[in-house]
Amino acid sequence: MSRRLNNLLQHISIRESDDEVARALKQRLALASLASQFTLSDERLKQAVLYLLHEMVGGLEGRESTLRMLPSYVYKGNPKQATGVFYALDLGGTNFRVLRVAC
């Protein structure tokens, strides 16, 4: 469908002389063409999920991976019995957040 829409859009351009209905139709066709480029089949989506899971596990196990993974350390005790000062670090792509909690 997207190939047919793209072929149609190559022959249709929005002009100043277009009336409101023609302009709206052309815009809807352009948006439909754009949206079709982001549509994934269920099978393709499953493949992407499996690939991401494989890369995450590989990165966490220290193998070569396309995803850089950092191990997480989670406190396994009872949080109600925890005392002291604790820090949570969040290293994102552009931000570095630090949370300090004293109990």
C-alpha atoms as a PDB file:
ATOM      1  CA  MET A   1       0.000   0.000   0.000  1.00  0.00           C
ATOM      2  CA  SER A   2       2.760   2.466   0.860  1.00  0.00           C
ATOM      3  CA  ARG A   3       4.400   2.019  -2.546  1.00  0.00           C
ATOM      4  CA  ARG A   4       1.123   2.858  -4.295  1.00  0.00           C
ATOM      5  CA  LEU A   5       0.619   5.891  -2.053  1.00  0.00           C
ATOM      6  CA  ASN A   6       4.136   7.119  -2.725  1.00  0.00           C
ATOM      7  CA  ASN A   7       3.628   6.745  -6.481  1.00  0.00           C
ATOM      8  CA  LEU A   8       0.388   8.684  -6.233  1.00  0.00           C
ATOM      9  CA  LEU A   9       1.989  11.421  -4.136  1.00  0.00           C
ATOM     10  CA  GLN A  10       4.724  11.928  -6.723  1.00  0.00           C
ATOM     11  CA  HIS A  11       2.046  13.055  -9.169  1.00  0.00           C
ATOM     12  CA  ILE A  12       0.003  15.110  -6.725  1.00  0.00           C
ATOM     13  CA  SER A  13       1.368  18.253  -5.151  1.00  0.00           C
ATOM     14  CA  ILE A  14      -0.448  20.869  -3.119  1.00  0.00           C
ATOM     15  CA  ARG A  15      -0.897  24.042  -5.134  1.00  0.00           C
ATOM     16  CA  GLU A  16      -2.088  27.509  -4.211  1.00  0.00           C
ATOM     17  CA  SER A  17      -4.973  27.095  -6.651  1.00  0.00           C
ATOM     18  CA  ASP A  18      -6.297  23.966  -4.866  1.00  0.00           C
ATOM     19  CA  ASP A  19      -9.584  24.363  -3.078  1.00  0.00           C
ATOM     20  CA  GLU A  20      -9.934  23.419   0.582  1.00  0.00           C
ATOM     21  CA  VAL A  21     -11.241  19.904  -0.122  1.00  0.00           C
ATOM     22  CA  ALA A  22      -8.441  19.067  -2.575  1.00  0.00           C
ATOM     23  CA  ARG A  23      -5.821  20.439  -0.192  1.00  0.00           C
ATOM     24  CA  ALA A  24      -7.236  18.381   2.707  1.00  0.00           C
ATOM     25  CA  LEU A  25      -7.315  15.228   0.565  1.00  0.00           C
ATOM     26  CA  LYS A  26      -3.708  15.694  -0.535  1.00  0.00           C
ATOM     27  CA  GLN A  27      -2.606  16.274   3.053  1.00  0.00           C
ATOM     28  CA  ARG A  28      -4.412  13.115   4.201  1.00  0.00           C
ATOM     29  CA  LEU A  29      -2.724  11.111   1.440  1.00  0.00           C
ATOM     30  CA  ALA A  30       0.669  12.489   2.449  1.00  0.00           C
ATOM     31  CA  LEU A  31       0.061  11.599   6.111  1.00  0.00           C
ATOM     32  CA  ALA A  32      -1.145   8.106   5.192  1.00  0.00           C
ATOM     33  CA  SER A  33       2.016   7.584   3.169  1.00  0.00           C
ATOM     34  CA  LEU A  34       4.182   8.732   6.055  1.00  0.00           C
ATOM     35  CA  ALA A  35       2.321   6.577   8.590  1.00  0.00           C
ATOM     36  CA  SER A  36       2.658   3.493   6.379  1.00  0.00           C
ATOM     37  CA  GLN A  37       6.443   3.754   6.623  1.00  0.00           C
ATOM     38  CA  PHE A  38       6.237   3.229  10.401  1.00  0.00           C
ATOM     39  CA  THR A  39       3.867   0.252  10.328  1.00  0.00           C
ATOM     40  CA  LEU A  40       5.313  -3.091  11.464  1.00  0.00           C
ATOM     41  CA  SER A  41       3.782  -6.507  10.986  1.00  0.00           C
ATOM     42  CA  ASP A  42       3.312  -8.668  14.082  1.00  0.00           C
ATOM     43  CA  GLU A  43       6.095 -10.958  12.875  1.00  0.00           C
ATOM     44  CA  ARG A  44       8.530  -8.076  12.346  1.00  0.00           C
ATOM     45  CA  LEU A  45       7.697  -6.685  15.794  1.00  0.00           C
ATOM     46  CA  LYS A  46       8.337 -10.100  17.394  1.00  0.00           C
ATOM     47  CA  GLN A  47      11.704 -10.259  15.614  1.00  0.00           C
ATOM     48  CA  ALA A  48      12.634  -6.828  16.977  1.00  0.00           C
ATOM     49  CA  VAL A  49      11.667  -7.837  20.531  1.00  0.00           C
ATOM     50  CA  LEU A  50      13.702 -11.057  20.342  1.00  0.00           C
ATOM     51  CA  TYR A  51      16.697  -9.177  18.953  1.00  0.00           C
ATOM     52  CA  LEU A  52      16.550  -6.563  21.736  1.00  0.00           C
ATOM     53  CA  LEU A  53      16.235  -9.247  24.431  1.00  0.00           C
ATOM     54  CA  HIS A  54      19.192 -11.144  22.953  1.00  0.00           C
ATOM     55  CA  GLU A  55      21.333  -7.996  22.873  1.00  0.00           C
ATOM     56  CA  MET A  56      20.358  -6.972  26.433  1.00  0.00           C
ATOM     57  CA  VAL A  57      21.206 -10.385  27.872  1.00  0.00           C
ATOM     58  CA  GLY A  58      24.482 -10.465  25.937  1.00  0.00           C
ATOM     59  CA  GLY A  59      25.427  -7.000  27.168  1.00  0.00           C
ATOM     60  CA  LEU A  60      24.630  -7.869  30.792  1.00  0.00           C
ATOM     61  CA  GLU A  61      26.659 -11.091  30.538  1.00  0.00           C
ATOM     62  CA  GLY A  62      29.680  -9.159  29.278  1.00  0.00           C
ATOM     63  CA  ARG A  63      29.538 -10.398  25.696  1.00  0.00           C
ATOM     64  CA  GLU A  64      29.840  -8.106  22.704  1.00  0.00           C
ATOM     65  CA  SER A  65      26.501  -6.399  22.124  1.00  0.00           C
ATOM     66  CA  THR A  66      25.019  -3.518  20.160  1.00  0.00           C
ATOM     67  CA  LEU A  67      23.442  -2.294  23.437  1.00  0.00           C
ATOM     68  CA  ARG A  68      25.641  -0.996  26.211  1.00  0.00           C
ATOM     69  CA  MET A  69      24.350  -2.458  29.449  1.00  0.00           C
ATOM     70  CA  LEU A  70      25.339  -1.616  32.992  1.00  0.00           C
ATOM     71  CA  PRO A  71      24.584  -4.012  35.842  1.00  0.00           C
ATOM     72  CA  SER A  72      22.042  -2.883  38.430  1.00  0.00           C
ATOM     73  CA  TYR A  73      22.374  -3.497  42.142  1.00  0.00           C
ATOM     74  CA  VAL A  74      19.120  -3.877  44.042  1.00  0.00           C
ATOM     75  CA  TYR A  75      18.886  -4.009  47.829  1.00  0.00           C
ATOM     76  CA  LYS A  76      17.358  -7.390  48.676  1.00  0.00           C
ATOM     77  CA  GLY A  77      16.715  -6.821  52.383  1.00  0.00           C
ATOM     78  CA  ASN A  78      13.609  -5.424  54.021  1.00  0.00           C
ATOM     79  CA  PRO A  79      13.518  -1.712  53.113  1.00  0.00           C
ATOM     80  CA  LYS A  80      11.706  -0.924  56.395  1.00  0.00           C
ATOM     81  CA  GLN A  81      14.745  -2.157  58.332  1.00  0.00           C
ATOM     82  CA  ALA A  82      17.321  -0.296  56.245  1.00  0.00           C
ATOM     83  CA  THR A  83      19.264   2.452  58.014  1.00  0.00           C
ATOM     84  CA  GLY A  84      21.964   4.754  56.766  1.00  0.00           C
ATOM     85  CA  VAL A  85      22.532   6.806  53.641  1.00  0.00           C
ATOM     86  CA  PHE A  86      21.718   5.338  50.233  1.00  0.00           C
ATOM     87  CA  TYR A  87      22.365   6.695  46.753  1.00  0.00           C
ATOM     88  CA  ALA A  88      20.524   5.944  43.538  1.00  0.00           C
ATOM     89  CA  LEU A  89      22.320   6.773  40.289  1.00  0.00           C
ATOM     90  CA  ASP A  90      20.567   7.123  36.945  1.00  0.00           C
ATOM     91  CA  LEU A  91      22.915   7.406  33.978  1.00  0.00           C
ATOM     92  CA  GLY A  92      20.814   8.226  30.937  1.00  0.00           C
ATOM     93  CA  GLY A  93      21.821   9.227  27.443  1.00  0.00           C
ATOM     94  CA  THR A  94      22.026  12.943  28.226  1.00  0.00           C
ATOM     95  CA  ASN A  95      21.319  13.160  31.960  1.00  0.00           C
ATOM     96  CA  PHE A  96      23.014  11.961  35.117  1.00  0.00           C
ATOM     97  CA  ARG A  97      20.748  11.950  38.153  1.00  0.00           C
ATOM     98  CA  VAL A  98      21.742  11.276  41.758  1.00  0.00           C
ATOM     99  CA  LEU A  99      19.258  10.617  44.546  1.00  0.00           C
ATOM    100  CA  ARG A 100      20.404  10.624  48.193  1.00  0.00           C
ATOM    101  CA  VAL A 101      18.149   8.996  50.779  1.00  0.00           C
ATOM    102  CA  ALA A 102      18.931   9.037  54.492  1.00  0.00           C
ATOM    103  CA  CYS A 103      16.981   6.753  56.856  1.00  0.00           C
END
